[in-house]
Amino acid sequence: LRAMGIRTVMVTGDNPLTAKAIAAQAGVDDYL
């Protein structure tokens, strides 16, 4: 998706630290 120019954002109710770790593991561009 990134190669196509599409930005991915993970949306979660988790706290920021957990969200950051999962986002890094999954390879998304950003998280909320």
PDB file of all heavy atoms in Angstrom:
ATOM      1  N   LEU A   1       0.836  -1.205   0.000  1.00  0.00           N
ATOM      2  CA  LEU A   1       0.000   0.000   0.000  1.00  0.00           C
ATOM      3  C   LEU A   1       0.868   1.252   0.000  1.00  0.00           C
ATOM      4  O   LEU A   1       0.552   2.249  -0.662  1.00  0.00           O
ATOM      5  CB  LEU A   1      -0.924  -0.015   1.221  1.00  0.00           C
ATOM      6  CG  LEU A   1      -2.010  -1.093   1.223  1.00  0.00           C
ATOM      7  CD1 LEU A   1      -2.716  -1.139   2.573  1.00  0.00           C
ATOM      8  CD2 LEU A   1      -3.026  -0.843   0.116  1.00  0.00           C
ATOM      9  N   ARG A   2       1.963   1.209   0.759  1.00  0.00           N
ATOM     10  CA  ARG A   2       2.866   2.365   0.802  1.00  0.00           C
ATOM     11  C   ARG A   2       3.470   2.620  -0.570  1.00  0.00           C
ATOM     12  O   ARG A   2       3.643   3.771  -0.978  1.00  0.00           O
ATOM     13  CB  ARG A   2       3.957   2.103   1.841  1.00  0.00           C
ATOM     14  CG  ARG A   2       4.757   3.338   2.219  1.00  0.00           C
ATOM     15  CD  ARG A   2       5.733   3.030   3.351  1.00  0.00           C
ATOM     16  NE  ARG A   2       5.034   2.571   4.553  1.00  0.00           N
ATOM     17  CZ  ARG A   2       5.070   1.314   5.003  1.00  0.00           C
ATOM     18  NH1 ARG A   2       5.779   0.398   4.372  1.00  0.00           N
ATOM     19  NH2 ARG A   2       4.411   0.986   6.087  1.00  0.00           N
ATOM     20  N   ALA A   3       3.767   1.536  -1.290  1.00  0.00           N
ATOM     21  CA  ALA A   3       4.325   1.687  -2.638  1.00  0.00           C
ATOM     22  C   ALA A   3       3.318   2.332  -3.584  1.00  0.00           C
ATOM     23  O   ALA A   3       3.705   2.973  -4.569  1.00  0.00           O
ATOM     24  CB  ALA A   3       4.740   0.317  -3.179  1.00  0.00           C
ATOM     25  N   MET A   4       2.037   2.178  -3.290  1.00  0.00           N
ATOM     26  CA  MET A   4       0.998   2.801  -4.109  1.00  0.00           C
ATOM     27  C   MET A   4       0.699   4.231  -3.661  1.00  0.00           C
ATOM     28  O   MET A   4      -0.180   4.886  -4.217  1.00  0.00           O
ATOM     29  CB  MET A   4      -0.295   1.971  -4.033  1.00  0.00           C
ATOM     30  CG  MET A   4      -0.162   0.580  -4.610  1.00  0.00           C
ATOM     31  SD  MET A   4      -1.742  -0.311  -4.624  1.00  0.00           S
ATOM     32  CE  MET A   4      -2.100  -0.461  -2.890  1.00  0.00           C
ATOM     33  N   GLY A   5       1.396   4.696  -2.625  1.00  0.00           N
ATOM     34  CA  GLY A   5       1.163   6.046  -2.143  1.00  0.00           C
ATOM     35  C   GLY A   5       0.019   6.148  -1.157  1.00  0.00           C
ATOM     36  O   GLY A   5      -0.499   7.246  -0.910  1.00  0.00           O
ATOM     37  N   ILE A   6      -0.397   5.019  -0.566  1.00  0.00           N
ATOM     38  CA  ILE A   6      -1.505   5.014   0.394  1.00  0.00           C
ATOM     39  C   ILE A   6      -0.949   4.982   1.810  1.00  0.00           C
ATOM     40  O   ILE A   6      -0.108   4.143   2.146  1.00  0.00           O
ATOM     41  CB  ILE A   6      -2.428   3.805   0.166  1.00  0.00           C
ATOM     42  CG1 ILE A   6      -3.066   3.892  -1.211  1.00  0.00           C
ATOM     43  CG2 ILE A   6      -3.506   3.731   1.235  1.00  0.00           C
ATOM     44  CD1 ILE A   6      -3.904   2.692  -1.574  1.00  0.00           C
ATOM     45  N   ARG A   7      -1.416   5.887   2.637  1.00  0.00           N
ATOM     46  CA  ARG A   7      -0.984   5.981   4.037  1.00  0.00           C
ATOM     47  C   ARG A   7      -1.929   5.170   4.912  1.00  0.00           C
ATOM     48  O   ARG A   7      -3.146   5.299   4.807  1.00  0.00           O
ATOM     49  CB  ARG A   7      -0.975   7.447   4.465  1.00  0.00           C
ATOM     50  CG  ARG A   7      -0.596   7.703   5.914  1.00  0.00           C
ATOM     51  CD  ARG A   7      -0.400   9.185   6.139  1.00  0.00           C
ATOM     52  NE  ARG A   7      -0.234   9.542   7.528  1.00  0.00           N
ATOM     53  CZ  ARG A   7      -1.204   9.973   8.323  1.00  0.00           C
ATOM     54  NH1 ARG A   7      -2.428  10.129   7.816  1.00  0.00           N
ATOM     55  NH2 ARG A   7      -0.979  10.271   9.581  1.00  0.00           N
ATOM     56  N   THR A   8      -1.378   4.323   5.772  1.00  0.00           N
ATOM     57  CA  THR A   8      -2.194   3.493   6.645  1.00  0.00           C
ATOM     58  C   THR A   8      -2.123   4.015   8.074  1.00  0.00           C
ATOM     59  O   THR A   8      -1.040   4.336   8.578  1.00  0.00           O
ATOM     60  CB  THR A   8      -1.729   2.034   6.610  1.00  0.00           C
ATOM     61  OG1 THR A   8      -0.324   1.968   6.878  1.00  0.00           O
ATOM     62  CG2 THR A   8      -1.995   1.421   5.241  1.00  0.00           C
ATOM     63  N   VAL A   9      -3.286   4.078   8.723  1.00  0.00           N
ATOM     64  CA  VAL A   9      -3.379   4.557  10.102  1.00  0.00           C
ATOM     65  C   VAL A   9      -4.108   3.509  10.931  1.00  0.00           C
ATOM     66  O   VAL A   9      -5.243   3.143  10.615  1.00  0.00           O
ATOM     67  CB  VAL A   9      -4.126   5.901  10.188  1.00  0.00           C
ATOM     68  CG1 VAL A   9      -4.200   6.373  11.639  1.00  0.00           C
ATOM     69  CG2 VAL A   9      -3.448   6.950   9.311  1.00  0.00           C
ATOM     70  N   MET A  10      -3.470   2.997  11.961  1.00  0.00           N
ATOM     71  CA  MET A  10      -4.082   2.034  12.868  1.00  0.00           C
ATOM     72  C   MET A  10      -4.851   2.787  13.948  1.00  0.00           C
ATOM     73  O   MET A  10      -4.317   3.686  14.590  1.00  0.00           O
ATOM     74  CB  MET A  10      -3.013   1.153  13.507  1.00  0.00           C
ATOM     75  CG  MET A  10      -3.557   0.079  14.429  1.00  0.00           C
ATOM     76  SD  MET A  10      -2.231  -0.825  15.286  1.00  0.00           S
ATOM     77  CE  MET A  10      -1.759   0.386  16.530  1.00  0.00           C
ATOM     78  N   VAL A  11      -6.105   2.414  14.141  1.00  0.00           N
ATOM     79  CA  VAL A  11      -6.955   3.046  15.145  1.00  0.00           C
ATOM     80  C   VAL A  11      -7.196   2.038  16.261  1.00  0.00           C
ATOM     81  O   VAL A  11      -7.616   0.907  16.013  1.00  0.00           O
ATOM     82  CB  VAL A  11      -8.300   3.493  14.537  1.00  0.00           C
ATOM     83  CG1 VAL A  11      -9.163   4.142  15.595  1.00  0.00           C
ATOM     84  CG2 VAL A  11      -8.057   4.461  13.382  1.00  0.00           C
ATOM     85  N   THR A  12      -6.919   2.443  17.499  1.00  0.00           N
ATOM     86  CA  THR A  12      -7.046   1.518  18.618  1.00  0.00           C
ATOM     87  C   THR A  12      -7.412   2.257  19.892  1.00  0.00           C
ATOM     88  O   THR A  12      -7.152   3.458  20.027  1.00  0.00           O
ATOM     89  CB  THR A  12      -5.724   0.742  18.837  1.00  0.00           C
ATOM     90  OG1 THR A  12      -5.851  -0.098  19.981  1.00  0.00           O
ATOM     91  CG2 THR A  12      -4.562   1.689  19.045  1.00  0.00           C
ATOM     92  N   GLY A  13      -8.015   1.526  20.793  1.00  0.00           N
ATOM     93  CA  GLY A  13      -8.314   2.085  22.115  1.00  0.00           C
ATOM     94  C   GLY A  13      -7.180   1.881  23.094  1.00  0.00           C
ATOM     95  O   GLY A  13      -7.269   2.303  24.251  1.00  0.00           O
ATOM     96  N   ASP A  14      -6.104   1.232  22.652  1.00  0.00           N
ATOM     97  CA  ASP A  14      -4.963   0.978  23.531  1.00  0.00           C
ATOM     98  C   ASP A  14      -4.262   2.276  23.904  1.00  0.00           C
ATOM     99  O   ASP A  14      -4.415   3.318  23.245  1.00  0.00           O
ATOM    100  CB  ASP A  14      -3.957   0.052  22.841  1.00  0.00           C
ATOM    101  CG  ASP A  14      -4.470  -1.378  22.758  1.00  0.00           C
ATOM    102  OD1 ASP A  14      -5.381  -1.723  23.522  1.00  0.00           O
ATOM    103  OD2 ASP A  14      -3.970  -2.135  21.902  1.00  0.00           O
ATOM    104  N   ASN A  15      -3.441   2.180  24.960  1.00  0.00           N
ATOM    105  CA  ASN A  15      -2.645   3.339  25.349  1.00  0.00           C
ATOM    106  C   ASN A  15      -1.567   3.596  24.295  1.00  0.00           C
ATOM    107  O   ASN A  15      -1.237   2.717  23.491  1.00  0.00           O
ATOM    108  CB  ASN A  15      -2.033   3.118  26.734  1.00  0.00           C
ATOM    109  CG  ASN A  15      -1.058   1.958  26.745  1.00  0.00           C
ATOM    110  OD1 ASN A  15       0.022   2.033  26.151  1.00  0.00           O
ATOM    111  ND2 ASN A  15      -1.432   0.861  27.398  1.00  0.00           N
ATOM    112  N   PRO A  16      -0.989   4.799  24.283  1.00  0.00           N
ATOM    113  CA  PRO A  16      -0.034   5.162  23.221  1.00  0.00           C
ATOM    114  C   PRO A  16       1.182   4.242  23.131  1.00  0.00           C
ATOM    115  O   PRO A  16       1.655   3.957  22.028  1.00  0.00           O
ATOM    116  CB  PRO A  16       0.378   6.591  23.595  1.00  0.00           C
ATOM    117  CG  PRO A  16      -0.801   7.125  24.343  1.00  0.00           C
ATOM    118  CD  PRO A  16      -1.335   5.971  25.119  1.00  0.00           C
ATOM    119  N   LEU A  17       1.707   3.769  24.273  1.00  0.00           N
ATOM    120  CA  LEU A  17       2.882   2.903  24.223  1.00  0.00           C
ATOM    121  C   LEU A  17       2.571   1.573  23.529  1.00  0.00           C
ATOM    122  O   LEU A  17       3.326   1.102  22.675  1.00  0.00           O
ATOM    123  CB  LEU A  17       3.400   2.640  25.642  1.00  0.00           C
ATOM    124  CG  LEU A  17       4.191   3.783  26.290  1.00  0.00           C
ATOM    125  CD1 LEU A  17       4.530   3.430  27.740  1.00  0.00           C
ATOM    126  CD2 LEU A  17       5.473   4.059  25.507  1.00  0.00           C
ATOM    127  N   THR A  18       1.433   0.975  23.900  1.00  0.00           N
ATOM    128  CA  THR A  18       1.029  -0.282  23.270  1.00  0.00           C
ATOM    129  C   THR A  18       0.751  -0.069  21.786  1.00  0.00           C
ATOM    130  O   THR A  18       1.155  -0.865  20.935  1.00  0.00           O
ATOM    131  CB  THR A  18      -0.221  -0.848  23.962  1.00  0.00           C
ATOM    132  OG1 THR A  18       0.063  -1.070  25.340  1.00  0.00           O
ATOM    133  CG2 THR A  18      -0.670  -2.150  23.314  1.00  0.00           C
ATOM    134  N   ALA A  19       0.038   1.018  21.488  1.00  0.00           N
ATOM    135  CA  ALA A  19      -0.295   1.311  20.092  1.00  0.00           C
ATOM    136  C   ALA A  19       0.966   1.499  19.258  1.00  0.00           C
ATOM    137  O   ALA A  19       1.062   1.003  18.125  1.00  0.00           O
ATOM    138  CB  ALA A  19      -1.169   2.562  20.026  1.00  0.00           C
ATOM    139  N   LYS A  20       1.963   2.176  19.814  1.00  0.00           N
ATOM    140  CA  LYS A  20       3.207   2.416  19.081  1.00  0.00           C
ATOM    141  C   LYS A  20       3.924   1.107  18.772  1.00  0.00           C
ATOM    142  O   LYS A  20       4.429   0.907  17.658  1.00  0.00           O
ATOM    143  CB  LYS A  20       4.116   3.338  19.900  1.00  0.00           C
ATOM    144  CG  LYS A  20       5.445   3.651  19.214  1.00  0.00           C
ATOM    145  CD  LYS A  20       6.298   4.575  20.083  1.00  0.00           C
ATOM    146  CE  LYS A  20       7.631   4.871  19.390  1.00  0.00           C
ATOM    147  NZ  LYS A  20       8.474   5.776  20.233  1.00  0.00           N
ATOM    148  N   ALA A  21       3.957   0.201  19.747  1.00  0.00           N
ATOM    149  CA  ALA A  21       4.645  -1.073  19.546  1.00  0.00           C
ATOM    150  C   ALA A  21       3.944  -1.929  18.499  1.00  0.00           C
ATOM    151  O   ALA A  21       4.592  -2.509  17.620  1.00  0.00           O
ATOM    152  CB  ALA A  21       4.730  -1.824  20.875  1.00  0.00           C
ATOM    153  N   ILE A  22       2.614  -2.018  18.570  1.00  0.00           N
ATOM    154  CA  ILE A  22       1.869  -2.812  17.590  1.00  0.00           C
ATOM    155  C   ILE A  22       2.004  -2.197  16.205  1.00  0.00           C
ATOM    156  O   ILE A  22       2.152  -2.904  15.196  1.00  0.00           O
ATOM    157  CB  ILE A  22       0.383  -2.910  17.991  1.00  0.00           C
ATOM    158  CG1 ILE A  22       0.243  -3.726  19.275  1.00  0.00           C
ATOM    159  CG2 ILE A  22      -0.437  -3.543  16.880  1.00  0.00           C
ATOM    160  CD1 ILE A  22       0.572  -5.186  19.128  1.00  0.00           C
ATOM    161  N   ALA A  23       1.967  -0.867  16.135  1.00  0.00           N
ATOM    162  CA  ALA A  23       2.100  -0.185  14.845  1.00  0.00           C
ATOM    163  C   ALA A  23       3.454  -0.480  14.212  1.00  0.00           C
ATOM    164  O   ALA A  23       3.558  -0.717  13.002  1.00  0.00           O
ATOM    165  CB  ALA A  23       1.913   1.322  15.032  1.00  0.00           C
ATOM    166  N   ALA A  24       4.498  -0.480  15.027  1.00  0.00           N
ATOM    167  CA  ALA A  24       5.833  -0.780  14.507  1.00  0.00           C
ATOM    168  C   ALA A  24       5.932  -2.228  14.051  1.00  0.00           C
ATOM    169  O   ALA A  24       6.539  -2.533  13.022  1.00  0.00           O
ATOM    170  CB  ALA A  24       6.876  -0.491  15.584  1.00  0.00           C
ATOM    171  N   GLN A  25       5.323  -3.131  14.812  1.00  0.00           N
ATOM    172  CA  GLN A  25       5.366  -4.549  14.455  1.00  0.00           C
ATOM    173  C   GLN A  25       4.590  -4.826  13.167  1.00  0.00           C
ATOM    174  O   GLN A  25       5.007  -5.625  12.335  1.00  0.00           O
ATOM    175  CB  GLN A  25       4.782  -5.378  15.604  1.00  0.00           C
ATOM    176  CG  GLN A  25       4.903  -6.884  15.401  1.00  0.00           C
ATOM    177  CD  GLN A  25       4.329  -7.665  16.572  1.00  0.00           C
ATOM    178  OE1 GLN A  25       4.000  -7.098  17.612  1.00  0.00           O
ATOM    179  NE2 GLN A  25       4.198  -8.968  16.402  1.00  0.00           N
ATOM    180  N   ALA A  26       3.444  -4.143  13.005  1.00  0.00           N
ATOM    181  CA  ALA A  26       2.605  -4.374  11.824  1.00  0.00           C
ATOM    182  C   ALA A  26       3.115  -3.634  10.596  1.00  0.00           C
ATOM    183  O   ALA A  26       2.820  -4.031   9.468  1.00  0.00           O
ATOM    184  CB  ALA A  26       1.168  -3.950  12.119  1.00  0.00           C
ATOM    185  N   GLY A  27       3.832  -2.525  10.804  1.00  0.00           N
ATOM    186  CA  GLY A  27       4.365  -1.778   9.672  1.00  0.00           C
ATOM    187  C   GLY A  27       3.439  -0.708   9.144  1.00  0.00           C
ATOM    188  O   GLY A  27       3.576  -0.289   7.987  1.00  0.00           O
ATOM    189  N   VAL A  28       2.487  -0.232   9.969  1.00  0.00           N
ATOM    190  CA  VAL A  28       1.612   0.852   9.520  1.00  0.00           C
ATOM    191  C   VAL A  28       2.371   2.170   9.590  1.00  0.00           C
ATOM    192  O   VAL A  28       3.391   2.295  10.275  1.00  0.00           O
ATOM    193  CB  VAL A  28       0.322   0.927  10.371  1.00  0.00           C
ATOM    194  CG1 VAL A  28      -0.520  -0.311  10.175  1.00  0.00           C
ATOM    195  CG2 VAL A  28       0.642   1.130  11.842  1.00  0.00           C
ATOM    196  N   ASP A  29       1.845   3.176   8.890  1.00  0.00           N
ATOM    197  CA  ASP A  29       2.537   4.466   8.824  1.00  0.00           C
ATOM    198  C   ASP A  29       2.285   5.330  10.046  1.00  0.00           C
ATOM    199  O   ASP A  29       3.113   6.157  10.410  1.00  0.00           O
ATOM    200  CB  ASP A  29       2.097   5.220   7.560  1.00  0.00           C
ATOM    201  CG  ASP A  29       2.461   4.462   6.300  1.00  0.00           C
ATOM    202  OD1 ASP A  29       3.625   4.051   6.176  1.00  0.00           O
ATOM    203  OD2 ASP A  29       1.581   4.265   5.447  1.00  0.00           O
ATOM    204  N   ASP A  30       1.105   5.179  10.662  1.00  0.00           N
ATOM    205  CA  ASP A  30       0.756   6.025  11.795  1.00  0.00           C
ATOM    206  C   ASP A  30      -0.275   5.295  12.641  1.00  0.00           C
ATOM    207  O   ASP A  30      -0.810   4.250  12.234  1.00  0.00           O
ATOM    208  CB  ASP A  30       0.206   7.367  11.309  1.00  0.00           C
ATOM    209  CG  ASP A  30       0.331   8.463  12.367  1.00  0.00           C
ATOM    210  OD1 ASP A  30       0.729   8.147  13.513  1.00  0.00           O
ATOM    211  OD2 ASP A  30       0.015   9.621  12.057  1.00  0.00           O
ATOM    212  N   TYR A  31      -0.562   5.822  13.810  1.00  0.00           N
ATOM    213  CA  TYR A  31      -1.566   5.204  14.672  1.00  0.00           C
ATOM    214  C   TYR A  31      -2.306   6.280  15.454  1.00  0.00           C
ATOM    215  O   TYR A  31      -1.810   7.395  15.663  1.00  0.00           O
ATOM    216  CB  TYR A  31      -0.918   4.205  15.637  1.00  0.00           C
ATOM    217  CG  TYR A  31       0.072   4.825  16.606  1.00  0.00           C
ATOM    218  CD1 TYR A  31      -0.332   5.292  17.854  1.00  0.00           C
ATOM    219  CD2 TYR A  31       1.415   4.938  16.265  1.00  0.00           C
ATOM    220  CE1 TYR A  31       0.570   5.869  18.726  1.00  0.00           C
ATOM    221  CE2 TYR A  31       2.332   5.502  17.128  1.00  0.00           C
ATOM    222  CZ  TYR A  31       1.899   5.966  18.369  1.00  0.00           C
ATOM    223  OH  TYR A  31       2.795   6.535  19.229  1.00  0.00           O
ATOM    224  N   LEU A  32      -3.518   5.939  15.860  1.00  0.00           N
ATOM    225  CA  LEU A  32      -4.339   6.805  16.705  1.00  0.00           C
ATOM    226  C   LEU A  32      -4.690   5.995  17.939  1.00  0.00           C
ATOM    227  O   LEU A  32      -5.459   5.030  17.862  1.00  0.00           O
ATOM    228  CB  LEU A  32      -5.602   7.247  15.967  1.00  0.00           C
ATOM    229  CG  LEU A  32      -6.578   8.141  16.753  1.00  0.00           C
ATOM    230  CD1 LEU A  32      -5.912   9.478  17.081  1.00  0.00           C
ATOM    231  CD2 LEU A  32      -7.858   8.364  15.959  1.00  0.00           C
TER     232      LEU A  32
END
